[in-house]
Every structure is written in structure tokens, then in C-alpha cells.
C-alpha atoms as a PDB file:
ATOM      1  CA  MET A   1     -58.283 100.643 186.544  1.00  0.00           C
ATOM      2  CA  TYR A   2     -57.546  97.099 187.756  1.00  0.00           C
ATOM      3  CA  ASP A   3     -54.827  95.339 185.772  1.00  0.00           C
ATOM      4  CA  ALA A   4     -54.018  91.793 186.902  1.00  0.00           C
ATOM      5  CA  GLU A   5     -50.558  91.800 185.327  1.00  0.00           C
ATOM      6  CA  VAL A   6     -49.574  95.071 186.963  1.00  0.00           C
ATOM      7  CA  GLN A   7     -50.951  93.959 190.317  1.00  0.00           C
ATOM      8  CA  TYR A   8     -48.930  90.763 190.134  1.00  0.00           C
ATOM      9  CA  THR A   9     -45.772  92.652 189.176  1.00  0.00           C
ATOM     10  CA  ASN A  10     -46.406  94.963 192.128  1.00  0.00           C
ATOM     11  CA  GLN A  11     -46.206  91.914 194.398  1.00  0.00           C
ATOM     12  CA  THR A  12     -43.010  90.502 192.882  1.00  0.00           C
ATOM     13  CA  ARG A  13     -41.032  93.638 192.004  1.00  0.00           C
ATOM     14  CA  ALA A  14     -39.317  95.190 195.045  1.00  0.00           C
ATOM     15  CA  TRP A  15     -36.846  97.561 193.377  1.00  0.00           C
ATOM     16  CA  CYS A  16     -37.997 101.186 192.951  1.00  0.00           C
ATOM     17  CA  ARG A  17     -41.116 100.444 195.006  1.00  0.00           C
ATOM     18  CA  GLY A  18     -43.237 103.392 196.070  1.00  0.00           C
ATOM     19  CA  GLY A  19     -41.728 105.851 193.600  1.00  0.00           C
ATOM     20  CA  ALA A  20     -38.395 105.846 195.449  1.00  0.00           C
ATOM     21  CA  THR A  21     -36.482 107.033 192.387  1.00  0.00           C
ATOM     22  CA  VAL A  22     -38.871 109.819 191.357  1.00  0.00           C
ATOM     23  CA  PRO A  23     -37.242 112.699 193.335  1.00  0.00           C
ATOM     24  CA  GLY A  24     -33.773 112.039 191.897  1.00  0.00           C
ATOM     25  CA  THR A  25     -35.184 111.661 188.412  1.00  0.00           C
ATOM     26  CA  GLU A  26     -37.040 114.968 188.694  1.00  0.00           C
ATOM     27  CA  LYS A  27     -33.802 116.728 189.655  1.00  0.00           C
ATOM     28  CA  ALA A  28     -31.881 115.153 186.784  1.00  0.00           C
ATOM     29  CA  ILE A  29     -34.527 116.030 184.195  1.00  0.00           C
ATOM     30  CA  GLU A  30     -34.846 119.597 185.441  1.00  0.00           C
ATOM     31  CA  PHE A  31     -31.064 120.052 185.208  1.00  0.00           C
ATOM     32  CA  ALA A  32     -30.790 118.435 181.765  1.00  0.00           C
ATOM     33  CA  SER A  33     -33.647 120.545 180.383  1.00  0.00           C
ATOM     34  CA  MET A  34     -31.544 123.717 180.734  1.00  0.00           C
ATOM     35  CA  TYR A  35     -29.319 122.712 177.811  1.00  0.00           C
ATOM     36  CA  ASP A  36     -29.798 122.697 174.031  1.00  0.00           C
ATOM     37  CA  GLN A  37     -31.266 119.201 173.858  1.00  0.00           C
ATOM     38  CA  MET A  38     -32.306 116.814 176.592  1.00  0.00           C
ATOM     39  CA  VAL A  39     -32.268 113.092 175.789  1.00  0.00           C
ATOM     40  CA  VAL A  40     -33.328 110.277 178.120  1.00  0.00           C
ATOM     41  CA  THR A  41     -31.840 106.938 177.048  1.00  0.00           C
ATOM     42  CA  GLY A  42     -34.648 104.540 177.899  1.00  0.00           C
ATOM     43  CA  ASP A  43     -36.099 102.554 180.801  1.00  0.00           C
ATOM     44  CA  ILE A  44     -37.978 105.708 181.683  1.00  0.00           C
ATOM     45  CA  ILE A  45     -40.498 103.704 183.697  1.00  0.00           C
ATOM     46  CA  ASP A  46     -39.703 100.598 185.715  1.00  0.00           C
ATOM     47  CA  TYR A  47     -42.561  98.626 184.181  1.00  0.00           C
ATOM     48  CA  LEU A  48     -45.586  99.428 182.048  1.00  0.00           C
ATOM     49  CA  SER A  49     -48.420 100.641 184.243  1.00  0.00           C
ATOM     50  CA  LEU A  50     -50.790 103.574 183.927  1.00  0.00           C
ATOM     51  CA  GLY A  51     -49.553 104.923 187.253  1.00  0.00           C
ATOM     52  CA  ALA A  52     -45.962 104.970 186.014  1.00  0.00           C
ATOM     53  CA  LEU A  53     -46.990 106.591 182.733  1.00  0.00           C
ATOM     54  CA  GLU A  54     -48.999 109.281 184.489  1.00  0.00           C
ATOM     55  CA  THR A  55     -46.018 109.992 186.746  1.00  0.00           C
ATOM     56  CA  VAL A  56     -43.521 110.369 183.905  1.00  0.00           C
ATOM     57  CA  LYS A  57     -46.073 112.435 182.005  1.00  0.00           C
ATOM     58  CA  ARG A  58     -46.280 114.785 184.976  1.00  0.00           C
ATOM     59  CA  ILE A  59     -42.541 115.119 185.666  1.00  0.00           C
ATOM     60  CA  ALA A  60     -41.111 114.885 182.137  1.00  0.00           C
ATOM     61  CA  PHE A  61     -43.375 114.622 179.099  1.00  0.00           C
ATOM     62  CA  ASP A  62     -45.679 117.554 179.898  1.00  0.00           C
ATOM     63  CA  PRO A  63     -43.150 120.075 181.263  1.00  0.00           C
ATOM     64  CA  TYR A  64     -40.417 119.127 178.755  1.00  0.00           C
ATOM     65  CA  PRO A  65     -42.161 118.015 175.524  1.00  0.00           C
ATOM     66  CA  GLU A  66     -39.116 118.961 173.421  1.00  0.00           C
ATOM     67  CA  GLY A  67     -37.005 116.311 175.126  1.00  0.00           C
ATOM     68  CA  MET A  68     -36.068 113.204 173.160  1.00  0.00           C
ATOM     69  CA  TYR A  69     -37.262 110.121 175.014  1.00  0.00           C
ATOM     70  CA  VAL A  70     -35.863 106.709 174.039  1.00  0.00           C
ATOM     71  CA  LEU A  71     -37.680 103.414 174.551  1.00  0.00           C
ATOM     72  CA  GLY A  72     -36.101 100.785 176.784  1.00  0.00           C
ATOM     73  CA  GLY A  73     -36.963  97.196 177.603  1.00  0.00           C
ATOM     74  CA  HIS A  74     -38.657  98.118 180.900  1.00  0.00           C
ATOM     75  CA  ASP A  75     -40.971 100.567 179.154  1.00  0.00           C
ATOM     76  CA  VAL A  76     -42.615  97.812 177.100  1.00  0.00           C
ATOM     77  CA  THR A  77     -42.814  95.209 179.901  1.00  0.00           C
ATOM     78  CA  LYS A  78     -45.791  94.645 182.207  1.00  0.00           C
ATOM     79  CA  ASN A  79     -44.728  91.328 183.755  1.00  0.00           C
ATOM     80  CA  MET A  80     -41.550  92.269 185.613  1.00  0.00           C
ATOM     81  CA  GLU A  81     -39.974  89.416 187.604  1.00  0.00           C
ATOM     82  CA  THR A  82     -43.239  87.451 187.648  1.00  0.00           C
ATOM     83  CA  GLY A  83     -41.987  84.491 185.637  1.00  0.00           C
ATOM     84  CA  TYR A  84     -44.782  85.007 183.098  1.00  0.00           C
ATOM     85  CA  ALA A  85     -44.775  86.457 179.608  1.00  0.00           C
ATOM     86  CA  ASP A  86     -46.744  89.604 178.851  1.00  0.00           C
ATOM     87  CA  GLN A  87     -50.297  88.827 177.777  1.00  0.00           C
ATOM     88  CA  LEU A  88     -50.503  91.760 175.357  1.00  0.00           C
ATOM     89  CA  SER A  89     -48.450  91.654 172.169  1.00  0.00           C
ATOM     90  CA  LEU A  90     -45.445  93.936 171.847  1.00  0.00           C
ATOM     91  CA  GLU A  91     -47.375  96.016 169.318  1.00  0.00           C
ATOM     92  CA  GLN A  92     -50.258  96.470 171.778  1.00  0.00           C
ATOM     93  CA  ARG A  93     -47.910  97.539 174.535  1.00  0.00           C
ATOM     94  CA  GLN A  94     -46.163  99.966 172.202  1.00  0.00           C
ATOM     95  CA  GLU A  95     -49.542 101.449 171.284  1.00  0.00           C
ATOM     96  CA  ILE A  96     -50.264 102.165 174.973  1.00  0.00           C
ATOM     97  CA  LEU A  97     -46.945 104.005 175.186  1.00  0.00           C
ATOM     98  CA  ARG A  98     -47.545 105.870 171.928  1.00  0.00           C
ATOM     99  CA  GLN A  99     -50.540 107.635 173.469  1.00  0.00           C
ATOM    100  CA  TYR A 100     -48.221 109.233 176.035  1.00  0.00           C
ATOM    101  CA  TRP A 101     -44.876 109.609 174.238  1.00  0.00           C
ATOM    102  CA  PRO A 102     -44.133 113.194 173.086  1.00  0.00           C
ATOM    103  CA  ASN A 103     -41.770 112.179 170.253  1.00  0.00           C
ATOM    104  CA  ASP A 104     -41.774 109.343 167.735  1.00  0.00           C
ATOM    105  CA  MET A 105     -40.716 106.374 169.859  1.00  0.00           C
ATOM    106  CA  PHE A 106     -38.891 104.583 167.070  1.00  0.00           C
ATOM    107  CA  TYR A 107     -36.959 107.363 165.370  1.00  0.00           C
ATOM    108  CA  THR A 108     -36.454 111.104 165.854  1.00  0.00           C
ATOM    109  CA  SER A 109     -33.693 113.356 164.544  1.00  0.00           C
ATOM    110  CA  ARG A 110     -32.995 117.030 165.173  1.00  0.00           C
ATOM    111  CA  VAL A 111     -30.221 119.424 164.162  1.00  0.00           C
ATOM    112  CA  ILE A 112     -28.983 121.492 167.097  1.00  0.00           C
ATOM    113  CA  ASN A 113     -27.386 124.920 166.576  1.00  0.00           C
ATOM    114  CA  GLY A 114     -26.867 124.201 162.891  1.00  0.00           C
ATOM    115  CA  SER A 115     -23.985 121.818 163.570  1.00  0.00           C
ATOM    116  CA  VAL A 116     -24.979 118.705 165.552  1.00  0.00           C
ATOM    117  CA  MET A 117     -27.541 116.130 164.440  1.00  0.00           C
ATOM    118  CA  CYS A 118     -29.072 114.187 167.321  1.00  0.00           C
ATOM    119  CA  ILE A 119     -30.595 110.863 166.306  1.00  0.00           C
ATOM    120  CA  GLN A 120     -32.761 108.937 168.755  1.00  0.00           C
ATOM    121  CA  LEU A 121     -33.734 105.420 167.722  1.00  0.00           C
ATOM    122  CA  ASP A 122     -35.315 102.470 169.457  1.00  0.00           C
ATOM    123  CA  ASN A 123     -33.295  99.316 169.993  1.00  0.00           C
ATOM    124  CA  GLY A 124     -34.698  98.462 173.424  1.00  0.00           C
ATOM    125  CA  CYS A 125     -35.754  94.995 172.254  1.00  0.00           C
ATOM    126  CA  SER A 126     -32.180  94.170 171.128  1.00  0.00           C
ATOM    127  CA  GLN A 127     -32.970  94.956 167.514  1.00  0.00           C
ATOM    128  CA  TYR A 128     -33.535  97.750 165.043  1.00  0.00           C
ATOM    129  CA  TRP A 129     -36.686  97.954 162.927  1.00  0.00           C
ATOM    130  CA  ASP A 130     -37.269  97.963 159.155  1.00  0.00           C
ATOM    131  CA  SER A 131     -38.763 101.465 159.342  1.00  0.00           C
ATOM    132  CA  GLN A 132     -35.508 102.868 160.746  1.00  0.00           C
ATOM    133  CA  VAL A 133     -33.197 101.821 157.900  1.00  0.00           C
ATOM    134  CA  ALA A 134     -34.130 104.451 155.297  1.00  0.00           C
ATOM    135  CA  LEU A 135     -34.522 107.140 157.964  1.00  0.00           C
ATOM    136  CA  ILE A 136     -31.018 106.827 159.372  1.00  0.00           C
ATOM    137  CA  GLU A 137     -29.507 106.368 155.909  1.00  0.00           C
ATOM    138  CA  ASN A 138     -31.102 109.630 154.742  1.00  0.00           C
ATOM    139  CA  ASP A 139     -30.052 111.462 157.895  1.00  0.00           C
ATOM    140  CA  LEU A 140     -26.450 110.270 157.649  1.00  0.00           C
ATOM    141  CA  ASN A 141     -26.343 111.450 154.027  1.00  0.00           C
ATOM    142  CA  THR A 142     -27.771 114.824 155.060  1.00  0.00           C
ATOM    143  CA  ALA A 143     -25.257 115.120 157.892  1.00  0.00           C
ATOM    144  CA  ARG A 144     -22.362 114.372 155.572  1.00  0.00           C
ATOM    145  CA  GLU A 145     -23.561 116.881 152.977  1.00  0.00           C
ATOM    146  CA  ASN A 146     -23.934 119.632 155.578  1.00  0.00           C
ATOM    147  CA  GLY A 147     -20.923 118.884 157.760  1.00  0.00           C
ATOM    148  CA  TYR A 148     -22.961 117.947 160.833  1.00  0.00           C
ATOM    149  CA  THR A 149     -21.535 115.876 163.656  1.00  0.00           C
ATOM    150  CA  VAL A 150     -23.935 113.017 164.434  1.00  0.00           C
ATOM    151  CA  LEU A 151     -24.747 111.887 167.973  1.00  0.00           C
ATOM    152  CA  ILE A 152     -26.770 108.674 168.314  1.00  0.00           C
ATOM    153  CA  PHE A 153     -28.924 108.008 171.371  1.00  0.00           C
ATOM    154  CA  GLN A 154     -30.465 104.588 172.038  1.00  0.00           C
ATOM    155  CA  HIS A 155     -31.140 102.308 174.977  1.00  0.00           C
ATOM    156  CA  GLU A 156     -28.854  99.319 174.392  1.00  0.00           C
ATOM    157  CA  PRO A 157     -25.162  99.686 173.548  1.00  0.00           C
ATOM    158  CA  LEU A 158     -23.684  98.065 170.466  1.00  0.00           C
ATOM    159  CA  GLY A 159     -21.157  95.289 170.114  1.00  0.00           C
ATOM    160  CA  THR A 160     -17.786  96.894 169.404  1.00  0.00           C
ATOM    161  CA  GLY A 161     -16.321  94.334 167.015  1.00  0.00           C
ATOM    162  CA  ASN A 162     -13.127  94.358 169.080  1.00  0.00           C
ATOM    163  CA  PRO A 163     -12.001  90.948 170.496  1.00  0.00           C
ATOM    164  CA  GLU A 164     -10.195  92.788 173.305  1.00  0.00           C
ATOM    165  CA  ASP A 165     -13.513  94.008 174.728  1.00  0.00           C
ATOM    166  CA  THR A 166     -14.625  90.793 176.422  1.00  0.00           C
ATOM    167  CA  ALA A 167     -14.286  92.186 179.962  1.00  0.00           C
ATOM    168  CA  VAL A 168     -14.587  95.976 179.923  1.00  0.00           C
ATOM    169  CA  PRO A 169     -14.488  97.387 183.496  1.00  0.00           C
ATOM    170  CA  SER A 170     -17.041  99.829 184.839  1.00  0.00           C
ATOM    171  CA  LEU A 171     -16.075 103.473 185.306  1.00  0.00           C
ATOM    172  CA  CYS A 172     -18.323 103.924 188.344  1.00  0.00           C
ATOM    173  CA  PRO A 173     -16.276 104.788 191.443  1.00  0.00           C
ATOM    174  CA  ASP A 174     -18.586 102.740 193.655  1.00  0.00           C
ATOM    175  CA  ALA A 175     -18.242  99.602 191.535  1.00  0.00           C
ATOM    176  CA  ASP A 176     -15.686  96.846 191.938  1.00  0.00           C
ATOM    177  CA  SER A 177     -14.224  97.153 188.446  1.00  0.00           C
ATOM    178  CA  ALA A 178     -12.753  93.670 188.694  1.00  0.00           C
ATOM    179  CA  LYS A 179     -16.249  92.230 189.074  1.00  0.00           C
ATOM    180  CA  VAL A 180     -18.504  94.700 187.264  1.00  0.00           C
ATOM    181  CA  THR A 181     -17.262  94.012 183.756  1.00  0.00           C
ATOM    182  CA  TYR A 182     -19.173  93.500 180.539  1.00  0.00           C
ATOM    183  CA  ASN A 183     -18.444  91.655 177.309  1.00  0.00           C
ATOM    184  CA  PHE A 184     -18.916  94.223 174.536  1.00  0.00           C
ATOM    185  CA  TYR A 185     -17.483  91.855 171.926  1.00  0.00           C
ATOM    186  CA  GLY A 186     -19.423  88.617 172.339  1.00  0.00           C
ATOM    187  CA  SER A 187     -22.392  90.769 173.287  1.00  0.00           C
ATOM    188  CA  ALA A 188     -26.084  89.943 173.335  1.00  0.00           C
ATOM    189  CA  HIS A 189     -26.589  93.373 171.813  1.00  0.00           C
ATOM    190  CA  ILE A 190     -26.678  94.335 168.146  1.00  0.00           C
ATOM    191  CA  GLY A 191     -23.356  93.738 166.426  1.00  0.00           C
ATOM    192  CA  GLY A 192     -22.168  91.318 169.098  1.00  0.00           C
ATOM    193  CA  ASN A 193     -19.954  88.497 167.919  1.00  0.00           C
ATOM    194  CA  GLY A 194     -22.137  85.458 167.211  1.00  0.00           C
ATOM    195  CA  LYS A 195     -25.444  87.304 167.663  1.00  0.00           C
ATOM    196  CA  ASN A 196     -28.061  86.360 165.063  1.00  0.00           C
ATOM    197  CA  ASP A 197     -29.204  89.879 164.208  1.00  0.00           C
ATOM    198  CA  THR A 198     -32.236  90.654 162.064  1.00  0.00           C
ATOM    199  CA  ALA A 199     -31.753  92.052 158.562  1.00  0.00           C
ATOM    200  CA  ALA A 200     -32.792  95.522 159.735  1.00  0.00           C
ATOM    201  CA  SER A 201     -30.388  95.356 162.683  1.00  0.00           C
ATOM    202  CA  LYS A 202     -27.518  94.401 160.396  1.00  0.00           C
ATOM    203  CA  ALA A 203     -28.413  97.169 157.946  1.00  0.00           C
ATOM    204  CA  VAL A 204     -28.516  99.911 160.606  1.00  0.00           C
ATOM    205  CA  TYR A 205     -25.354  98.615 162.293  1.00  0.00           C
ATOM    206  CA  GLU A 206     -23.516  98.699 158.959  1.00  0.00           C
ATOM    207  CA  LEU A 207     -24.753 102.216 158.206  1.00  0.00           C
ATOM    208  CA  ILE A 208     -23.445 103.376 161.564  1.00  0.00           C
ATOM    209  CA  THR A 209     -20.085 101.609 161.350  1.00  0.00           C
ATOM    210  CA  ASN A 210     -19.506 102.708 157.743  1.00  0.00           C
ATOM    211  CA  ASN A 211     -19.953 106.375 158.649  1.00  0.00           C
ATOM    212  CA  GLY A 212     -17.601 106.499 161.603  1.00  0.00           C
ATOM    213  CA  ASP A 213     -15.960 109.738 160.495  1.00  0.00           C
ATOM    214  CA  ILE A 214     -19.136 111.801 161.043  1.00  0.00           C
ATOM    215  CA  ILE A 215     -20.456 110.082 164.186  1.00  0.00           C
ATOM    216  CA  GLY A 216     -19.162 111.817 167.273  1.00  0.00           C
ATOM    217  CA  GLY A 217     -20.527 109.303 169.737  1.00  0.00           C
ATOM    218  CA  ILE A 218     -23.135 106.735 170.652  1.00  0.00           C
ATOM    219  CA  PHE A 219     -24.891 107.152 174.003  1.00  0.00           C
ATOM    220  CA  ALA A 220     -26.784 104.293 175.635  1.00  0.00           C
ATOM    221  CA  GLY A 221     -27.970 103.001 178.993  1.00  0.00           C
ATOM    222  CA  HIS A 222     -29.231  99.516 179.877  1.00  0.00           C
ATOM    223  CA  ARG A 223     -26.119  98.213 181.660  1.00  0.00           C
ATOM    224  CA  HIS A 224     -26.820 100.288 184.831  1.00  0.00           C
ATOM    225  CA  TYR A 225     -23.111 101.133 185.269  1.00  0.00           C
ATOM    226  CA  ARG A 226     -20.909 103.502 183.283  1.00  0.00           C
ATOM    227  CA  TYR A 227     -18.648 102.132 180.541  1.00  0.00           C
ATOM    228  CA  TYR A 228     -16.579 103.553 177.726  1.00  0.00           C
ATOM    229  CA  THR A 229     -15.791 101.587 174.573  1.00  0.00           C
ATOM    230  CA  GLU A 230     -14.850 102.296 170.976  1.00  0.00           C
ATOM    231  CA  ILE A 231     -16.715 100.638 168.123  1.00  0.00           C
ATOM    232  CA  LEU A 232     -14.538  99.578 165.202  1.00  0.00           C
ATOM    233  CA  ALA A 233     -15.722 101.500 162.153  1.00  0.00           C
ATOM    234  CA  LYS A 234     -14.810 102.866 158.737  1.00  0.00           C
ATOM    235  CA  THR A 235     -14.750 106.305 157.188  1.00  0.00           C
ATOM    236  CA  ALA A 236     -16.569 107.061 153.945  1.00  0.00           C
ATOM    237  CA  ASP A 237     -13.247 106.349 152.195  1.00  0.00           C
ATOM    238  CA  GLY A 238     -12.955 102.928 153.826  1.00  0.00           C
ATOM    239  CA  GLU A 239     -10.225 103.873 156.297  1.00  0.00           C
ATOM    240  CA  ASP A 240     -10.257 102.398 159.794  1.00  0.00           C
ATOM    241  CA  CYS A 241     -11.591 104.560 162.614  1.00  0.00           C
ATOM    242  CA  VAL A 242     -13.528 104.184 165.858  1.00  0.00           C
ATOM    243  CA  ILE A 243     -16.826 105.524 167.195  1.00  0.00           C
ATOM    244  CA  PRO A 244     -16.791 106.440 170.903  1.00  0.00           C
ATOM    245  CA  GLN A 245     -19.554 104.671 172.843  1.00  0.00           C
ATOM    246  CA  TYR A 246     -20.667 105.942 176.235  1.00  0.00           C
ATOM    247  CA  VAL A 247     -22.833 103.738 178.444  1.00  0.00           C
ATOM    248  CA  LEU A 248     -24.508 105.890 181.069  1.00  0.00           C
ATOM    249  CA  ARG A 249     -25.338 105.367 184.726  1.00  0.00           C
ATOM    250  CA  SER A 250     -28.964 104.821 185.742  1.00  0.00           C
ATOM    251  CA  CYS A 251     -30.663 107.702 187.567  1.00  0.00           C
ATOM    252  CA  ALA A 252     -32.050 105.141 190.008  1.00  0.00           C
ATOM    253  CA  TYR A 253     -28.659 104.671 191.681  1.00  0.00           C
ATOM    254  CA  GLU A 254     -28.010 108.319 192.490  1.00  0.00           C
ATOM    255  CA  THR A 255     -29.765 110.533 195.058  1.00  0.00           C
ATOM    256  CA  ASN A 256     -29.856 113.431 192.606  1.00  0.00           C
ATOM    257  CA  GLY A 257     -30.147 111.335 189.458  1.00  0.00           C
ATOM    258  CA  PHE A 258     -27.464 111.052 186.798  1.00  0.00           C
ATOM    259  CA  VAL A 259     -26.819 113.386 183.858  1.00  0.00           C
ATOM    260  CA  THR A 260     -24.092 113.353 181.217  1.00  0.00           C
ATOM    261  CA  LYS A 261     -23.386 116.780 179.756  1.00  0.00           C
ATOM    262  CA  ILE A 262     -22.098 116.768 176.180  1.00  0.00           C
ATOM    263  CA  VAL A 263     -20.006 119.820 175.293  1.00  0.00           C
ATOM    264  CA  PHE A 264     -18.695 120.819 171.870  1.00  0.00           C
ATOM    265  CA  GLY A 265     -15.763 123.200 171.757  1.00  0.00           C
ATOM    266  CA  GLN A 266     -15.490 126.076 169.329  1.00  0.00           C
ATOM    267  CA  GLU A 267     -12.617 126.363 166.909  1.00  0.00           C
END
């Protein structure tokens, strides 16, 4: 099917051309699928085309339908590096994706081994959505009542609320940590100092940061390099605490892809 936007993007977008990152991604997904829950933290396709969707359907969605797949900004974008805005509305582009996506794109939660609640929620457009507020509030209440540890998976990291986090260095060994830094305080992401967040974004951010004692970690992508930060938070009793935030490496940079294995010890 001819798509003028996709054809134009194909002329302007050089990175990942010709499916160069598919072999490494296949290896990473196959490895991750061997564990209790596989989660992919967004930007699953480079840009929105039927060819890309059919490819990810073949290597991920069909063979591993129980994976949790997060939306990223690339997934909802057809005009990549063209200088033009997408002709279809965001809702129309999301509807194309919905026909392929194996899980609810905006919010999914699962309890693993009776002890860990995995929450996947979309923030790939630098905001949370109204529909997510009650869902995460109910899940956090359920987790607290049942003693679950909560792990949150999304595409974009959160602002940490810590003024010392204006130049956090990358953890990637191949990166010049003096140059590859990111401002997690005055961030363009949700909770960033000075960011004009939507009401829903503020509500979800506050729910997360006011339940810091039951959230074991937030896992995101988006920044391409690895980072570790701690989000300033509160316990249910109002005491200060932090939520670990792990920003993961993109599969596209590694020959065999990139996987983070999360392990819980037994007492």
C-alpha cells in the first residue's frame, strides 16, 4: 500500500535503514521471553509504517503475545525527520497501532509469582492520560493491601525532583560520561522542574511519588543511553524516601540487543 508520508520518511531517515537492527532485537526478545515477564519499554518500531508493524508482529507480538509492550514516541510517528507534521491525528495513528498491539497500549498491570505487580503505562507523548489515573490508583491500593512490590514500566523517564540531577552522567561504557549527561531535574519529561504538566500527568506523578515505599523501581527508555537516578518520594506515612529509576539502553546500539534482567532475592 502506497503511503506518501512513509515514502518521504524513507527518503529522509537514514538510521536503522533496511532493518539493520532487527537481528539484534530478535535475539534480545528471545532471551527476555525466557523469564517470568518480558517488557519492552517503547520505540518498538522506528516509525509508523505497515512494514515495520508487520515485522514486529512477526518477531515479537505473535510469538510472545504475553509480553508487555510499551508505546514510545517513534511508534506513533509517521513523519520522521521530514520537517512536516503527521497528517493523521494522534488518535488515528494510535488506532492503527491498536489493531496490532497484543496488550492495552495505555495501561496494563499483572501480578507475577504472587508478589510483584508490573504496571505498564503509556507516557510516550510526554504525558499521562485521564484514563490512567483511576487505574494506577486502584492498582497501588491493591498492591499495598497485598504486600506486592510494584515495578513501573514506561517509555519516558520522570523528573526526579532533585536539584542535584541537572547533569547525570551515562553509565554506558562506550559513552563519554562528561558529555553524555542529562538533566533529570529541569527535565522536559513529566515531573520536570518548570514543566507545564497536564492535570492527569500531575495526578499520576503524585500517586507514584506518594507511594514510594511500595514501588521497587521505574524502568524507562527514550534517552538511548543508560542512566540511574532516584526520584524523591514519600511513604504512605509521609516520610521521605526515593524510588530507583533505571533508564535502559536501546537495542539498536548493540549487536545482540540490550536486555535488563530484574532479579528479586528470597528472604
